[in-house]
Amino acid sequence: MAGLPRRIIKETQRLQADPVPGISAIPDEANARHFKVEVAGPVKSPYEGGTFHLELFLPEEYPMSAPKVRFMTRIYHPNIDKLGRICLDILKDKWSPALQIRTVLLSIQALLSAPNPDDPLDTNVAEAWKKDEESAIEEARQFTRQHAMGNKPQQ
């Protein structure tokens, strides 16, 4: 971890020593700014039972600019598009240097528990969610079974 800002080293050590329940974030051996993240689908959500792989990258400007995070596992969610990009205010205009990697991961986990079709990134999914929430939730469960159960991380 030589050459990394102290802040990134401290945050990484804390994530390893005191992991967020249901989330693992392991820094890449070749690049400690790049994390392989696994998020367990929250209980009582359409994503329960799934393991979602994400990548998180800390740009050179971190913590003055937000981490870059995206889902590598396909997911049916109004706030996550087909490319895995995430619509989350703290990853955009609500980012503050006071926030940490841990906060971002907890916020993503919360987004899985409470999809927000009123602030969509995938408008088709959001429309389906608003029109027939029950069917949309079943579709999300189906996607979870298909893409997030028994899956291996993509390279």
N, C-alpha and C. Protein backbone atom coordinates (compact mmCIF):
# COMPACT_ATOMS: atom_id res chain seq x y z
N MET A 1 0.82 -1.20 0.00
CA MET A 1 0.00 0.00 0.00
C MET A 1 0.86 1.26 0.00
N ALA A 2 2.11 1.08 -0.33
CA ALA A 2 3.03 2.22 -0.38
C ALA A 2 2.54 3.22 -1.43
N GLY A 3 2.68 4.49 -1.12
CA GLY A 3 2.29 5.52 -2.06
C GLY A 3 0.82 5.91 -1.98
N LEU A 4 0.04 5.16 -1.21
CA LEU A 4 -1.37 5.51 -1.07
C LEU A 4 -1.54 6.57 0.01
N PRO A 5 -2.52 7.45 -0.16
CA PRO A 5 -2.80 8.40 0.91
C PRO A 5 -3.18 7.65 2.20
N ARG A 6 -2.79 8.21 3.33
CA ARG A 6 -3.08 7.62 4.64
C ARG A 6 -4.56 7.31 4.82
N ARG A 7 -5.39 8.19 4.33
CA ARG A 7 -6.83 8.02 4.49
C ARG A 7 -7.30 6.70 3.85
N ILE A 8 -6.84 6.41 2.66
CA ILE A 8 -7.24 5.17 1.97
C ILE A 8 -6.72 3.96 2.75
N ILE A 9 -5.49 4.03 3.23
CA ILE A 9 -4.93 2.93 4.02
C ILE A 9 -5.77 2.70 5.27
N LYS A 10 -6.12 3.78 5.98
CA LYS A 10 -6.91 3.66 7.20
C LYS A 10 -8.30 3.07 6.92
N GLU A 11 -8.96 3.59 5.87
CA GLU A 11 -10.30 3.08 5.54
C GLU A 11 -10.24 1.60 5.16
N THR A 12 -9.23 1.23 4.40
CA THR A 12 -9.07 -0.17 3.98
C THR A 12 -8.85 -1.06 5.20
N GLN A 13 -7.99 -0.62 6.11
CA GLN A 13 -7.73 -1.40 7.31
C GLN A 13 -9.00 -1.56 8.14
N ARG A 14 -9.79 -0.49 8.24
CA ARG A 14 -11.02 -0.57 9.03
C ARG A 14 -12.03 -1.53 8.37
N LEU A 15 -12.13 -1.48 7.05
CA LEU A 15 -13.04 -2.39 6.33
C LEU A 15 -12.65 -3.85 6.57
N GLN A 16 -11.34 -4.10 6.65
CA GLN A 16 -10.86 -5.47 6.87
C GLN A 16 -11.08 -5.89 8.33
N ALA A 17 -10.80 -4.98 9.25
CA ALA A 17 -10.89 -5.32 10.68
C ALA A 17 -12.33 -5.34 11.18
N ASP A 18 -13.17 -4.48 10.63
CA ASP A 18 -14.55 -4.34 11.09
C ASP A 18 -15.46 -4.28 9.87
N PRO A 19 -15.64 -5.42 9.17
CA PRO A 19 -16.41 -5.39 7.93
C PRO A 19 -17.88 -5.03 8.16
N VAL A 20 -18.48 -4.46 7.15
CA VAL A 20 -19.90 -4.13 7.18
C VAL A 20 -20.67 -5.45 7.04
N PRO A 21 -21.63 -5.74 7.93
CA PRO A 21 -22.38 -7.00 7.81
C PRO A 21 -23.02 -7.14 6.42
N GLY A 22 -22.79 -8.30 5.80
CA GLY A 22 -23.38 -8.57 4.49
C GLY A 22 -22.57 -8.01 3.32
N ILE A 23 -21.42 -7.39 3.62
CA ILE A 23 -20.61 -6.79 2.56
C ILE A 23 -19.15 -7.16 2.75
N SER A 24 -18.48 -7.54 1.66
CA SER A 24 -17.02 -7.67 1.74
C SER A 24 -16.43 -6.77 0.67
N ALA A 25 -15.36 -6.07 1.03
CA ALA A 25 -14.67 -5.17 0.10
C ALA A 25 -13.18 -5.47 0.22
N ILE A 26 -12.63 -6.10 -0.78
CA ILE A 26 -11.23 -6.52 -0.77
C ILE A 26 -10.46 -5.70 -1.79
N PRO A 27 -9.39 -5.01 -1.34
CA PRO A 27 -8.59 -4.25 -2.32
C PRO A 27 -7.84 -5.19 -3.25
N ASP A 28 -7.73 -4.80 -4.49
CA ASP A 28 -6.99 -5.56 -5.49
C ASP A 28 -5.50 -5.51 -5.13
N GLU A 29 -4.83 -6.65 -5.26
CA GLU A 29 -3.41 -6.70 -4.90
C GLU A 29 -2.57 -5.79 -5.80
N ALA A 30 -2.95 -5.66 -7.05
CA ALA A 30 -2.18 -4.86 -8.00
C ALA A 30 -2.48 -3.37 -7.88
N ASN A 31 -3.68 -3.03 -7.42
CA ASN A 31 -4.08 -1.62 -7.33
C ASN A 31 -4.99 -1.44 -6.12
N ALA A 32 -4.47 -0.90 -5.03
CA ALA A 32 -5.22 -0.78 -3.78
C ALA A 32 -6.32 0.27 -3.85
N ARG A 33 -6.44 0.99 -4.95
CA ARG A 33 -7.56 1.92 -5.14
C ARG A 33 -8.77 1.19 -5.74
N HIS A 34 -8.56 -0.04 -6.16
CA HIS A 34 -9.61 -0.83 -6.81
C HIS A 34 -10.06 -1.94 -5.87
N PHE A 35 -11.36 -2.00 -5.58
CA PHE A 35 -11.89 -2.99 -4.65
C PHE A 35 -12.85 -3.92 -5.36
N LYS A 36 -12.75 -5.19 -5.02
CA LYS A 36 -13.77 -6.16 -5.43
C LYS A 36 -14.74 -6.24 -4.26
N VAL A 37 -16.00 -5.97 -4.56
CA VAL A 37 -17.01 -5.88 -3.50
C VAL A 37 -18.07 -6.94 -3.74
N GLU A 38 -18.50 -7.57 -2.65
CA GLU A 38 -19.66 -8.48 -2.69
C GLU A 38 -20.67 -7.97 -1.70
N VAL A 39 -21.91 -7.85 -2.17
CA VAL A 39 -23.00 -7.42 -1.30
C VAL A 39 -24.04 -8.53 -1.28
N ALA A 40 -24.38 -8.98 -0.08
CA ALA A 40 -25.45 -9.97 0.06
C ALA A 40 -26.79 -9.25 -0.07
N GLY A 41 -27.68 -9.84 -0.86
CA GLY A 41 -29.02 -9.25 -0.99
C GLY A 41 -29.68 -9.16 0.37
N PRO A 42 -30.19 -7.98 0.74
CA PRO A 42 -30.79 -7.81 2.07
C PRO A 42 -31.99 -8.73 2.30
N VAL A 43 -32.13 -9.18 3.53
CA VAL A 43 -33.27 -10.00 3.94
C VAL A 43 -34.56 -9.22 3.70
N LYS A 44 -35.62 -9.93 3.30
CA LYS A 44 -36.94 -9.34 3.04
C LYS A 44 -36.91 -8.35 1.87
N SER A 45 -35.93 -8.51 0.98
CA SER A 45 -35.92 -7.70 -0.25
C SER A 45 -35.99 -8.69 -1.41
N PRO A 46 -36.32 -8.22 -2.61
CA PRO A 46 -36.35 -9.13 -3.76
C PRO A 46 -34.97 -9.70 -4.09
N TYR A 47 -33.93 -9.16 -3.46
CA TYR A 47 -32.56 -9.57 -3.74
C TYR A 47 -32.01 -10.54 -2.70
N GLU A 48 -32.86 -10.90 -1.73
CA GLU A 48 -32.46 -11.83 -0.66
C GLU A 48 -31.95 -13.13 -1.25
N GLY A 49 -30.84 -13.62 -0.70
CA GLY A 49 -30.27 -14.89 -1.16
C GLY A 49 -29.25 -14.71 -2.28
N GLY A 50 -29.21 -13.52 -2.87
CA GLY A 50 -28.26 -13.26 -3.95
C GLY A 50 -26.96 -12.67 -3.42
N THR A 51 -25.91 -12.88 -4.17
CA THR A 51 -24.62 -12.23 -3.90
C THR A 51 -24.29 -11.40 -5.12
N PHE A 52 -24.18 -10.10 -4.91
CA PHE A 52 -23.96 -9.17 -6.01
C PHE A 52 -22.51 -8.70 -6.00
N HIS A 53 -21.87 -8.81 -7.14
CA HIS A 53 -20.47 -8.39 -7.29
C HIS A 53 -20.46 -6.97 -7.84
N LEU A 54 -19.66 -6.14 -7.20
CA LEU A 54 -19.51 -4.76 -7.63
C LEU A 54 -18.03 -4.45 -7.73
N GLU A 55 -17.72 -3.40 -8.47
CA GLU A 55 -16.36 -2.89 -8.42
C GLU A 55 -16.43 -1.47 -7.91
N LEU A 56 -15.45 -1.14 -7.08
CA LEU A 56 -15.36 0.20 -6.49
C LEU A 56 -13.95 0.70 -6.75
N PHE A 57 -13.88 1.92 -7.28
CA PHE A 57 -12.58 2.50 -7.59
C PHE A 57 -12.47 3.88 -6.95
N LEU A 58 -11.36 4.12 -6.29
CA LEU A 58 -11.11 5.42 -5.67
C LEU A 58 -10.26 6.25 -6.63
N PRO A 59 -10.84 7.32 -7.19
CA PRO A 59 -10.06 8.14 -8.12
C PRO A 59 -8.93 8.88 -7.40
N GLU A 60 -7.99 9.40 -8.16
CA GLU A 60 -6.86 10.15 -7.59
C GLU A 60 -7.34 11.26 -6.67
N GLU A 61 -8.49 11.87 -6.99
CA GLU A 61 -9.00 13.02 -6.22
C GLU A 61 -9.68 12.61 -4.92
N TYR A 62 -9.88 11.30 -4.71
CA TYR A 62 -10.54 10.84 -3.49
C TYR A 62 -9.73 11.30 -2.27
N PRO A 63 -10.33 11.84 -1.22
CA PRO A 63 -11.77 11.90 -0.91
C PRO A 63 -12.48 13.17 -1.39
N MET A 64 -11.81 14.01 -2.19
CA MET A 64 -12.49 15.22 -2.66
C MET A 64 -13.55 14.88 -3.72
N SER A 65 -13.41 13.75 -4.38
CA SER A 65 -14.46 13.29 -5.30
C SER A 65 -14.87 11.88 -4.90
N ALA A 66 -16.08 11.55 -5.27
CA ALA A 66 -16.71 10.29 -4.86
C ALA A 66 -16.05 9.07 -5.50
N PRO A 67 -16.12 7.92 -4.82
CA PRO A 67 -15.67 6.67 -5.45
C PRO A 67 -16.53 6.37 -6.69
N LYS A 68 -15.98 5.62 -7.60
CA LYS A 68 -16.74 5.14 -8.77
C LYS A 68 -17.15 3.71 -8.43
N VAL A 69 -18.45 3.44 -8.49
CA VAL A 69 -18.95 2.12 -8.12
C VAL A 69 -19.92 1.65 -9.19
N ARG A 70 -19.83 0.36 -9.53
CA ARG A 70 -20.85 -0.19 -10.42
C ARG A 70 -21.06 -1.68 -10.14
N PHE A 71 -22.27 -2.12 -10.43
CA PHE A 71 -22.64 -3.52 -10.29
C PHE A 71 -22.06 -4.29 -11.47
N MET A 72 -21.41 -5.41 -11.17
CA MET A 72 -20.93 -6.31 -12.21
C MET A 72 -21.96 -7.43 -12.43
N THR A 73 -22.73 -7.72 -11.39
CA THR A 73 -23.80 -8.71 -11.47
C THR A 73 -25.05 -8.01 -12.01
N ARG A 74 -25.70 -8.61 -12.99
CA ARG A 74 -26.94 -8.03 -13.52
C ARG A 74 -28.00 -8.00 -12.41
N ILE A 75 -28.77 -6.92 -12.41
CA ILE A 75 -29.79 -6.74 -11.39
C ILE A 75 -30.96 -5.98 -11.99
N TYR A 76 -32.17 -6.32 -11.53
CA TYR A 76 -33.38 -5.64 -11.97
C TYR A 76 -33.75 -4.66 -10.86
N HIS A 77 -33.45 -3.39 -11.08
CA HIS A 77 -33.61 -2.38 -10.03
C HIS A 77 -33.80 -1.02 -10.70
N PRO A 78 -34.76 -0.22 -10.24
CA PRO A 78 -35.00 1.06 -10.92
C PRO A 78 -33.84 2.06 -10.82
N ASN A 79 -32.97 1.89 -9.83
CA ASN A 79 -31.89 2.85 -9.63
C ASN A 79 -30.53 2.35 -10.11
N ILE A 80 -30.53 1.21 -10.82
CA ILE A 80 -29.29 0.63 -11.35
C ILE A 80 -29.56 0.25 -12.81
N ASP A 81 -28.74 0.77 -13.73
CA ASP A 81 -29.02 0.50 -15.14
C ASP A 81 -28.34 -0.79 -15.62
N LYS A 82 -28.55 -1.09 -16.90
CA LYS A 82 -28.04 -2.34 -17.47
C LYS A 82 -26.51 -2.41 -17.47
N LEU A 83 -25.85 -1.26 -17.40
CA LEU A 83 -24.38 -1.23 -17.35
C LEU A 83 -23.86 -1.32 -15.92
N GLY A 84 -24.79 -1.37 -14.95
CA GLY A 84 -24.38 -1.49 -13.55
C GLY A 84 -24.17 -0.17 -12.85
N ARG A 85 -24.41 0.93 -13.57
CA ARG A 85 -24.26 2.24 -12.94
C ARG A 85 -25.37 2.44 -11.91
N ILE A 86 -25.05 3.20 -10.87
CA ILE A 86 -25.96 3.34 -9.73
C ILE A 86 -26.39 4.80 -9.58
N CYS A 87 -27.68 5.00 -9.44
CA CYS A 87 -28.21 6.33 -9.18
C CYS A 87 -28.32 6.48 -7.66
N LEU A 88 -27.34 7.17 -7.10
CA LEU A 88 -27.28 7.35 -5.65
C LEU A 88 -26.68 8.73 -5.40
N ASP A 89 -27.43 9.56 -4.68
CA ASP A 89 -27.02 10.96 -4.52
C ASP A 89 -25.61 11.13 -3.97
N ILE A 90 -25.19 10.26 -3.04
CA ILE A 90 -23.85 10.45 -2.45
C ILE A 90 -22.73 10.05 -3.41
N LEU A 91 -23.08 9.40 -4.52
CA LEU A 91 -22.06 9.12 -5.53
C LEU A 91 -21.98 10.26 -6.55
N LYS A 92 -22.88 11.23 -6.39
CA LYS A 92 -22.93 12.35 -7.34
C LYS A 92 -22.85 13.67 -6.57
N ASP A 93 -23.94 14.43 -6.60
CA ASP A 93 -23.92 15.79 -6.04
C ASP A 93 -23.92 15.88 -4.52
N LYS A 94 -24.28 14.80 -3.83
CA LYS A 94 -24.31 14.84 -2.36
C LYS A 94 -23.03 14.26 -1.73
N TRP A 95 -22.01 14.01 -2.55
CA TRP A 95 -20.75 13.49 -2.02
C TRP A 95 -20.10 14.54 -1.14
N SER A 96 -19.50 14.08 -0.06
CA SER A 96 -18.74 14.94 0.83
C SER A 96 -17.48 14.19 1.25
N PRO A 97 -16.34 14.88 1.38
CA PRO A 97 -15.12 14.21 1.84
C PRO A 97 -15.26 13.59 3.23
N ALA A 98 -16.30 13.98 3.96
CA ALA A 98 -16.53 13.39 5.29
C ALA A 98 -17.06 11.96 5.16
N LEU A 99 -17.60 11.61 4.01
CA LEU A 99 -18.12 10.25 3.79
C LEU A 99 -16.96 9.31 3.53
N GLN A 100 -17.22 8.01 3.70
CA GLN A 100 -16.18 7.01 3.51
C GLN A 100 -16.68 5.88 2.62
N ILE A 101 -15.77 5.00 2.25
CA ILE A 101 -16.12 3.81 1.47
C ILE A 101 -17.24 3.06 2.19
N ARG A 102 -17.10 2.93 3.50
CA ARG A 102 -18.09 2.22 4.33
C ARG A 102 -19.49 2.81 4.15
N THR A 103 -19.58 4.15 4.16
CA THR A 103 -20.87 4.85 4.00
C THR A 103 -21.48 4.53 2.64
N VAL A 104 -20.64 4.53 1.61
CA VAL A 104 -21.10 4.24 0.25
C VAL A 104 -21.66 2.82 0.19
N LEU A 105 -20.94 1.86 0.77
CA LEU A 105 -21.40 0.47 0.74
C LEU A 105 -22.70 0.29 1.50
N LEU A 106 -22.82 0.93 2.65
CA LEU A 106 -24.07 0.86 3.43
C LEU A 106 -25.23 1.49 2.64
N SER A 107 -24.97 2.57 1.94
CA SER A 107 -26.01 3.24 1.15
C SER A 107 -26.47 2.36 -0.01
N ILE A 108 -25.53 1.65 -0.64
CA ILE A 108 -25.90 0.73 -1.73
C ILE A 108 -26.74 -0.42 -1.19
N GLN A 109 -26.34 -0.92 -0.03
CA GLN A 109 -27.10 -2.00 0.61
C GLN A 109 -28.53 -1.51 0.92
N ALA A 110 -28.65 -0.28 1.43
CA ALA A 110 -29.96 0.29 1.74
C ALA A 110 -30.79 0.47 0.47
N LEU A 111 -30.14 0.84 -0.64
CA LEU A 111 -30.84 1.01 -1.91
C LEU A 111 -31.44 -0.32 -2.38
N LEU A 112 -30.75 -1.43 -2.09
CA LEU A 112 -31.30 -2.74 -2.45
C LEU A 112 -32.53 -3.05 -1.60
N SER A 113 -32.54 -2.57 -0.36
CA SER A 113 -33.70 -2.80 0.52
C SER A 113 -34.88 -1.92 0.15
N ALA A 114 -34.59 -0.75 -0.41
CA ALA A 114 -35.66 0.21 -0.69
C ALA A 114 -35.45 0.87 -2.06
N PRO A 115 -35.78 0.15 -3.14
CA PRO A 115 -35.67 0.75 -4.47
C PRO A 115 -36.54 2.02 -4.55
N ASN A 116 -36.06 3.01 -5.29
CA ASN A 116 -36.79 4.27 -5.41
C ASN A 116 -37.14 4.55 -6.88
N PRO A 117 -38.33 4.09 -7.32
CA PRO A 117 -38.71 4.30 -8.72
C PRO A 117 -38.98 5.77 -9.06
N ASP A 118 -39.03 6.65 -8.05
CA ASP A 118 -39.26 8.07 -8.33
C ASP A 118 -37.97 8.81 -8.70
N ASP A 119 -36.83 8.16 -8.54
CA ASP A 119 -35.55 8.75 -8.93
C ASP A 119 -34.78 7.69 -9.72
N PRO A 120 -35.32 7.32 -10.90
CA PRO A 120 -34.77 6.15 -11.60
C PRO A 120 -33.54 6.43 -12.43
N LEU A 121 -32.79 5.36 -12.66
CA LEU A 121 -31.73 5.38 -13.65
C LEU A 121 -32.19 4.53 -14.84
N ASP A 122 -32.93 3.47 -14.54
CA ASP A 122 -33.53 2.63 -15.58
C ASP A 122 -35.02 2.94 -15.61
N THR A 123 -35.42 3.80 -16.55
CA THR A 123 -36.82 4.27 -16.57
C THR A 123 -37.81 3.14 -16.87
N ASN A 124 -37.39 2.15 -17.67
CA ASN A 124 -38.30 1.03 -17.96
C ASN A 124 -38.62 0.24 -16.69
N VAL A 125 -37.60 -0.04 -15.90
CA VAL A 125 -37.80 -0.77 -14.65
C VAL A 125 -38.64 0.08 -13.70
N ALA A 126 -38.35 1.37 -13.65
CA ALA A 126 -39.11 2.27 -12.75
C ALA A 126 -40.59 2.30 -13.14
N GLU A 127 -40.87 2.39 -14.44
CA GLU A 127 -42.27 2.40 -14.90
C GLU A 127 -42.96 1.10 -14.51
N ALA A 128 -42.28 -0.03 -14.72
CA ALA A 128 -42.85 -1.33 -14.35
C ALA A 128 -43.10 -1.37 -12.85
N TRP A 129 -42.18 -0.83 -12.07
CA TRP A 129 -42.27 -0.83 -10.61
C TRP A 129 -43.49 -0.03 -10.17
N LYS A 130 -43.70 1.13 -10.83
CA LYS A 130 -44.82 2.00 -10.46
C LYS A 130 -46.16 1.41 -10.91
N LYS A 131 -46.15 0.78 -12.09
CA LYS A 131 -47.39 0.26 -12.66
C LYS A 131 -47.87 -0.98 -11.92
N ASP A 132 -46.95 -1.89 -11.60
CA ASP A 132 -47.31 -3.15 -10.95
C ASP A 132 -46.15 -3.60 -10.08
N GLU A 133 -46.09 -3.06 -8.87
CA GLU A 133 -44.96 -3.32 -7.98
C GLU A 133 -44.76 -4.80 -7.72
N GLU A 134 -45.86 -5.52 -7.54
CA GLU A 134 -45.76 -6.95 -7.24
C GLU A 134 -45.05 -7.71 -8.37
N SER A 135 -45.43 -7.42 -9.62
CA SER A 135 -44.78 -8.08 -10.76
C SER A 135 -43.31 -7.67 -10.87
N ALA A 136 -43.03 -6.40 -10.62
CA ALA A 136 -41.64 -5.91 -10.69
C ALA A 136 -40.79 -6.60 -9.63
N ILE A 137 -41.33 -6.78 -8.44
CA ILE A 137 -40.60 -7.45 -7.37
C ILE A 137 -40.34 -8.91 -7.75
N GLU A 138 -41.33 -9.54 -8.38
CA GLU A 138 -41.14 -10.93 -8.83
C GLU A 138 -40.06 -10.99 -9.92
N GLU A 139 -40.05 -10.02 -10.80
CA GLU A 139 -39.01 -9.95 -11.85
C GLU A 139 -37.64 -9.77 -11.21
N ALA A 140 -37.55 -8.92 -10.18
CA ALA A 140 -36.29 -8.71 -9.46
C ALA A 140 -35.83 -10.00 -8.80
N ARG A 141 -36.78 -10.76 -8.22
CA ARG A 141 -36.43 -12.06 -7.61
C ARG A 141 -35.90 -13.03 -8.67
N GLN A 142 -36.55 -13.03 -9.83
CA GLN A 142 -36.15 -13.91 -10.93
C GLN A 142 -34.73 -13.56 -11.39
N PHE A 143 -34.45 -12.27 -11.56
CA PHE A 143 -33.10 -11.82 -11.94
C PHE A 143 -32.09 -12.26 -10.90
N THR A 144 -32.47 -12.12 -9.63
CA THR A 144 -31.57 -12.50 -8.53
C THR A 144 -31.25 -13.99 -8.62
N ARG A 145 -32.30 -14.82 -8.82
CA ARG A 145 -32.07 -16.27 -8.94
C ARG A 145 -31.16 -16.57 -10.13
N GLN A 146 -31.40 -15.88 -11.23
CA GLN A 146 -30.68 -16.16 -12.47
C GLN A 146 -29.23 -15.65 -12.44
N HIS A 147 -29.00 -14.46 -11.87
CA HIS A 147 -27.70 -13.82 -12.00
C HIS A 147 -26.89 -13.72 -10.71
N ALA A 148 -27.54 -13.85 -9.55
CA ALA A 148 -26.83 -13.56 -8.30
C ALA A 148 -26.77 -14.75 -7.34
N MET A 149 -27.24 -15.89 -7.76
CA MET A 149 -27.16 -17.07 -6.90
C MET A 149 -26.23 -18.09 -7.51
N GLY A 150 -25.25 -18.53 -6.73
CA GLY A 150 -24.28 -19.49 -7.22
C GLY A 150 -23.36 -18.91 -8.29
N ASN A 151 -23.27 -17.58 -8.28
CA ASN A 151 -22.46 -16.94 -9.33
C ASN A 151 -21.02 -16.74 -8.87
N LYS A 152 -20.16 -16.69 -9.80
CA LYS A 152 -18.74 -16.41 -9.54
C LYS A 152 -18.48 -14.99 -10.01
N PRO A 153 -17.54 -14.31 -9.38
CA PRO A 153 -17.27 -12.95 -9.84
C PRO A 153 -16.75 -12.92 -11.27
N GLN A 154 -17.20 -11.91 -12.01
CA GLN A 154 -16.73 -11.76 -13.39
C GLN A 154 -15.32 -11.18 -13.33
N GLN A 155 -14.52 -11.53 -14.28
CA GLN A 155 -13.15 -11.00 -14.31
C GLN A 155 -13.11 -9.75 -15.14
